[in-house]
N, C-alpha and C. Protein backbone atom coordinates (compact mmCIF):
# COMPACT_ATOMS: atom_id res chain seq x y z
N MET A 1 114.56 121.95 123.60
CA MET A 1 114.16 121.57 122.25
C MET A 1 112.65 121.30 122.23
N ALA A 2 112.03 121.63 121.12
CA ALA A 2 110.59 121.40 120.96
C ALA A 2 110.31 119.90 120.87
N THR A 3 109.04 119.54 120.91
CA THR A 3 108.67 118.13 120.84
C THR A 3 109.04 117.56 119.48
N MET A 4 109.42 116.28 119.50
CA MET A 4 109.80 115.59 118.26
C MET A 4 108.56 115.20 117.49
N LYS A 5 108.58 115.44 116.20
CA LYS A 5 107.44 115.11 115.36
C LYS A 5 107.62 113.76 114.67
N ILE A 6 108.78 113.14 114.85
CA ILE A 6 109.07 111.83 114.27
C ILE A 6 109.16 110.82 115.41
N LYS A 7 108.54 109.65 115.22
CA LYS A 7 108.55 108.61 116.25
C LYS A 7 109.11 107.31 115.69
N VAL A 8 109.44 106.38 116.58
CA VAL A 8 109.93 105.06 116.18
C VAL A 8 108.84 104.35 115.38
N GLY A 9 109.23 103.75 114.25
CA GLY A 9 108.27 103.03 113.41
C GLY A 9 107.76 103.86 112.24
N ASP A 10 107.95 105.18 112.26
CA ASP A 10 107.52 106.03 111.15
C ASP A 10 108.36 105.75 109.91
N THR A 11 107.76 105.88 108.75
CA THR A 11 108.50 105.83 107.49
C THR A 11 108.89 107.25 107.14
N VAL A 12 110.18 107.46 106.87
CA VAL A 12 110.67 108.80 106.57
C VAL A 12 111.51 108.79 105.30
N LYS A 13 111.66 109.99 104.72
CA LYS A 13 112.48 110.17 103.53
C LYS A 13 113.60 111.13 103.88
N VAL A 14 114.83 110.81 103.47
CA VAL A 14 115.98 111.66 103.73
C VAL A 14 115.96 112.80 102.71
N ILE A 15 116.03 114.05 103.18
CA ILE A 15 115.95 115.21 102.29
C ILE A 15 117.26 115.95 102.15
N ALA A 16 118.31 115.52 102.88
CA ALA A 16 119.61 116.18 102.78
C ALA A 16 120.70 115.19 103.16
N GLY A 17 121.89 115.40 102.61
CA GLY A 17 123.04 114.56 102.95
C GLY A 17 123.34 113.54 101.88
N LYS A 18 124.29 112.65 102.19
CA LYS A 18 124.78 111.69 101.21
C LYS A 18 123.72 110.66 100.80
N ASP A 19 122.73 110.42 101.65
CA ASP A 19 121.68 109.45 101.36
C ASP A 19 120.37 110.11 100.94
N LYS A 20 120.46 111.32 100.40
CA LYS A 20 119.26 112.07 99.99
C LYS A 20 118.41 111.25 99.03
N GLY A 21 117.09 111.21 99.30
CA GLY A 21 116.16 110.47 98.45
C GLY A 21 115.81 109.09 98.96
N LYS A 22 116.60 108.55 99.87
CA LYS A 22 116.32 107.21 100.41
C LYS A 22 115.17 107.27 101.41
N GLU A 23 114.42 106.17 101.47
CA GLU A 23 113.34 106.05 102.45
C GLU A 23 113.63 104.87 103.36
N GLY A 24 113.15 104.95 104.59
CA GLY A 24 113.34 103.86 105.53
C GLY A 24 112.51 104.08 106.77
N GLN A 25 112.54 103.07 107.62
CA GLN A 25 111.77 103.11 108.85
C GLN A 25 112.65 103.58 110.00
N VAL A 26 112.11 104.38 110.89
CA VAL A 26 112.86 104.90 112.03
C VAL A 26 113.02 103.78 113.06
N LEU A 27 114.28 103.47 113.41
CA LEU A 27 114.58 102.42 114.37
C LEU A 27 114.75 102.96 115.78
N LYS A 28 115.28 104.20 115.88
CA LYS A 28 115.61 104.76 117.19
C LYS A 28 115.51 106.28 117.11
N VAL A 29 115.05 106.91 118.20
CA VAL A 29 114.95 108.36 118.27
C VAL A 29 115.71 108.84 119.50
N ASP A 30 116.61 109.81 119.30
CA ASP A 30 117.36 110.41 120.41
C ASP A 30 116.81 111.82 120.63
N HIS A 31 115.90 111.96 121.59
CA HIS A 31 115.24 113.24 121.85
C HIS A 31 116.22 114.30 122.34
N LYS A 32 117.17 113.90 123.14
CA LYS A 32 118.11 114.85 123.74
C LYS A 32 118.96 115.55 122.69
N ASN A 33 119.45 114.80 121.70
CA ASN A 33 120.34 115.35 120.68
C ASN A 33 119.63 115.66 119.37
N GLY A 34 118.34 115.34 119.26
CA GLY A 34 117.59 115.62 118.05
C GLY A 34 118.04 114.79 116.86
N ARG A 35 118.29 113.51 117.08
CA ARG A 35 118.78 112.64 116.01
C ARG A 35 117.92 111.38 115.91
N VAL A 36 117.92 110.78 114.71
CA VAL A 36 117.18 109.55 114.47
C VAL A 36 118.07 108.54 113.75
N VAL A 37 117.78 107.25 113.94
CA VAL A 37 118.46 106.18 113.22
C VAL A 37 117.42 105.59 112.27
N VAL A 38 117.74 105.61 110.96
CA VAL A 38 116.81 105.13 109.94
C VAL A 38 117.41 103.87 109.30
N LYS A 39 116.57 102.85 109.12
CA LYS A 39 117.01 101.57 108.57
C LYS A 39 117.58 101.75 107.16
N GLY A 40 118.83 101.31 106.96
CA GLY A 40 119.46 101.34 105.65
C GLY A 40 120.03 102.69 105.24
N VAL A 41 120.05 103.66 106.15
CA VAL A 41 120.53 105.00 105.83
C VAL A 41 121.73 105.33 106.71
N ASN A 42 122.71 106.05 106.13
CA ASN A 42 123.93 106.48 106.83
C ASN A 42 124.67 105.28 107.41
N MET A 43 124.96 104.30 106.56
CA MET A 43 125.65 103.09 107.00
C MET A 43 127.11 103.42 107.32
N ILE A 44 127.56 102.96 108.50
CA ILE A 44 128.93 103.17 108.92
C ILE A 44 129.59 101.83 109.22
N THR A 45 130.90 101.78 109.15
CA THR A 45 131.64 100.56 109.42
C THR A 45 132.08 100.57 110.87
N LYS A 46 131.75 99.50 111.57
CA LYS A 46 132.10 99.40 112.98
C LYS A 46 133.01 98.20 113.19
N HIS A 47 134.08 98.40 113.93
CA HIS A 47 135.03 97.32 114.22
C HIS A 47 134.72 96.76 115.60
N ASN A 48 134.42 95.45 115.65
CA ASN A 48 134.08 94.81 116.92
C ASN A 48 135.27 94.01 117.44
N LYS A 49 135.59 94.24 118.71
CA LYS A 49 136.68 93.52 119.37
C LYS A 49 136.19 92.13 119.75
N GLN A 50 137.12 91.18 119.87
CA GLN A 50 136.76 89.84 120.30
C GLN A 50 136.26 89.88 121.74
N SER A 51 135.21 89.08 122.00
CA SER A 51 134.67 88.98 123.36
C SER A 51 134.01 87.62 123.51
N ALA A 52 133.46 87.37 124.67
CA ALA A 52 132.78 86.09 124.91
C ALA A 52 131.54 85.97 124.02
N GLN A 53 130.81 87.09 123.83
CA GLN A 53 129.61 87.05 122.99
C GLN A 53 129.98 87.00 121.50
N ASN A 54 131.11 87.60 121.15
CA ASN A 54 131.54 87.66 119.75
C ASN A 54 132.97 87.13 119.66
N PRO A 55 133.15 85.79 119.59
CA PRO A 55 134.48 85.21 119.67
C PRO A 55 135.40 85.57 118.49
N ASN A 56 134.84 85.89 117.33
CA ASN A 56 135.68 86.19 116.17
C ASN A 56 135.97 87.68 116.00
N GLY A 57 135.15 88.53 116.61
CA GLY A 57 135.31 89.96 116.36
C GLY A 57 134.90 90.25 114.93
N GLY A 58 135.48 91.27 114.32
CA GLY A 58 135.21 91.52 112.91
C GLY A 58 134.69 92.91 112.62
N ILE A 59 134.36 93.11 111.36
CA ILE A 59 133.89 94.41 110.88
C ILE A 59 132.44 94.25 110.44
N VAL A 60 131.57 95.13 110.93
CA VAL A 60 130.15 95.09 110.57
C VAL A 60 129.69 96.47 110.11
N ASN A 61 128.67 96.48 109.28
CA ASN A 61 128.05 97.73 108.85
C ASN A 61 126.79 97.95 109.66
N VAL A 62 126.66 99.13 110.28
CA VAL A 62 125.49 99.47 111.07
C VAL A 62 125.00 100.86 110.68
N GLU A 63 123.74 101.16 111.01
CA GLU A 63 123.19 102.47 110.71
C GLU A 63 123.70 103.50 111.71
N GLY A 64 124.09 104.65 111.21
CA GLY A 64 124.48 105.76 112.07
C GLY A 64 123.29 106.70 112.20
N SER A 65 123.36 107.59 113.18
CA SER A 65 122.25 108.52 113.38
C SER A 65 122.39 109.72 112.45
N ILE A 66 121.25 110.32 112.10
CA ILE A 66 121.25 111.56 111.31
C ILE A 66 120.34 112.56 112.01
N ASP A 67 120.54 113.83 111.73
CA ASP A 67 119.75 114.87 112.37
C ASP A 67 118.30 114.78 111.92
N VAL A 68 117.38 115.02 112.84
CA VAL A 68 115.95 114.90 112.55
C VAL A 68 115.52 115.93 111.50
N SER A 69 116.26 117.04 111.37
CA SER A 69 115.90 118.05 110.37
C SER A 69 116.17 117.58 108.94
N ASN A 70 116.91 116.49 108.78
CA ASN A 70 117.23 115.97 107.46
C ASN A 70 116.27 114.88 106.99
N VAL A 71 115.18 114.64 107.72
CA VAL A 71 114.19 113.64 107.31
C VAL A 71 112.80 114.26 107.31
N MET A 72 111.93 113.70 106.46
CA MET A 72 110.53 114.11 106.39
C MET A 72 109.65 112.88 106.50
N TYR A 73 108.54 113.02 107.19
CA TYR A 73 107.57 111.94 107.35
C TYR A 73 106.94 111.62 105.99
N VAL A 74 106.71 110.33 105.72
CA VAL A 74 106.09 109.90 104.46
C VAL A 74 104.70 109.37 104.74
N LYS A 75 103.69 109.99 104.09
CA LYS A 75 102.29 109.57 104.21
C LYS A 75 101.80 109.20 102.82
N ASP A 76 101.41 107.95 102.61
CA ASP A 76 100.91 107.46 101.32
C ASP A 76 101.89 107.74 100.18
N GLY A 77 103.20 107.55 100.44
CA GLY A 77 104.22 107.72 99.41
C GLY A 77 104.65 109.15 99.15
N VAL A 78 104.10 110.12 99.89
CA VAL A 78 104.43 111.53 99.69
C VAL A 78 105.07 112.08 100.96
N ALA A 79 106.24 112.70 100.82
CA ALA A 79 106.90 113.33 101.97
C ALA A 79 106.10 114.56 102.36
N THR A 80 105.81 114.70 103.65
CA THR A 80 104.95 115.78 104.11
C THR A 80 105.44 116.32 105.45
N ARG A 81 105.08 117.57 105.71
CA ARG A 81 105.37 118.16 107.01
C ARG A 81 104.40 117.60 108.04
N VAL A 82 104.84 117.59 109.29
CA VAL A 82 104.02 117.07 110.37
C VAL A 82 103.72 118.21 111.33
N GLY A 83 102.47 118.30 111.75
CA GLY A 83 102.07 119.30 112.73
C GLY A 83 101.24 118.66 113.81
N PHE A 84 100.77 119.49 114.73
CA PHE A 84 99.93 118.99 115.80
C PHE A 84 98.58 119.68 115.73
N ASP A 85 97.52 118.95 116.08
CA ASP A 85 96.16 119.48 116.11
C ASP A 85 95.44 118.86 117.30
N VAL A 86 94.36 119.49 117.69
CA VAL A 86 93.55 118.93 118.78
C VAL A 86 92.28 118.35 118.16
N VAL A 87 92.10 117.04 118.32
CA VAL A 87 90.93 116.34 117.80
C VAL A 87 90.24 115.65 118.96
N ASP A 88 88.98 115.98 119.18
CA ASP A 88 88.21 115.41 120.29
C ASP A 88 88.91 115.63 121.63
N GLY A 89 89.51 116.79 121.81
CA GLY A 89 90.16 117.13 123.06
C GLY A 89 91.50 116.45 123.27
N LYS A 90 92.04 115.83 122.23
CA LYS A 90 93.30 115.11 122.34
C LYS A 90 94.29 115.67 121.31
N LYS A 91 95.55 115.86 121.73
CA LYS A 91 96.59 116.37 120.81
C LYS A 91 97.09 115.22 119.95
N VAL A 92 97.02 115.39 118.62
CA VAL A 92 97.43 114.34 117.68
C VAL A 92 98.35 114.92 116.62
N ARG A 93 99.16 114.03 116.00
CA ARG A 93 100.00 114.46 114.88
C ARG A 93 99.16 114.42 113.60
N VAL A 94 99.39 115.40 112.72
CA VAL A 94 98.66 115.43 111.45
C VAL A 94 99.65 115.66 110.31
N ALA A 95 99.34 115.09 109.14
CA ALA A 95 100.14 115.26 107.93
C ALA A 95 99.59 116.45 107.16
N LYS A 96 100.40 117.47 106.96
CA LYS A 96 99.96 118.72 106.36
C LYS A 96 99.57 118.57 104.89
N LYS A 97 100.35 117.82 104.09
CA LYS A 97 100.05 117.69 102.66
C LYS A 97 98.83 116.81 102.40
N ALA A 98 98.48 115.96 103.35
CA ALA A 98 97.35 115.05 103.19
C ALA A 98 96.09 115.66 103.82
N ASN A 99 95.91 116.97 103.64
CA ASN A 99 94.73 117.68 104.16
C ASN A 99 94.55 117.45 105.65
N ASN A 100 95.65 117.58 106.39
CA ASN A 100 95.64 117.43 107.84
C ASN A 100 95.08 116.08 108.30
N ALA A 101 95.45 115.02 107.58
CA ALA A 101 95.03 113.68 107.96
C ALA A 101 95.73 113.27 109.26
N VAL A 102 94.98 112.69 110.17
CA VAL A 102 95.52 112.29 111.47
C VAL A 102 96.46 111.09 111.28
N ILE A 103 97.67 111.22 111.84
CA ILE A 103 98.66 110.13 111.75
C ILE A 103 98.42 109.13 112.88
N ASP A 104 98.36 109.63 114.11
CA ASP A 104 98.10 108.75 115.26
C ASP A 104 97.53 109.52 116.41
């Protein structure tokens, strides 16, 4: 798989699926499977068994992962494609819609 253009901490917008249009921050990136976990997106119900750490058990809502192809990076409130460029001899991510503005 090619390099991931989305990193932990990025703000992204969901462009496909049941949560289309929602924005959130990336909490986790799975490079091997090409998936990301976005805060407040793709909420799933998880049943927790009783244990020493969780004496009551119970049902909790947690974020599920979604495919990285279903999210777009958000720069200044606008969803944009991300590319790579070489600036001062260093490879950096750039936002295409923001006139190739350097992200990091």
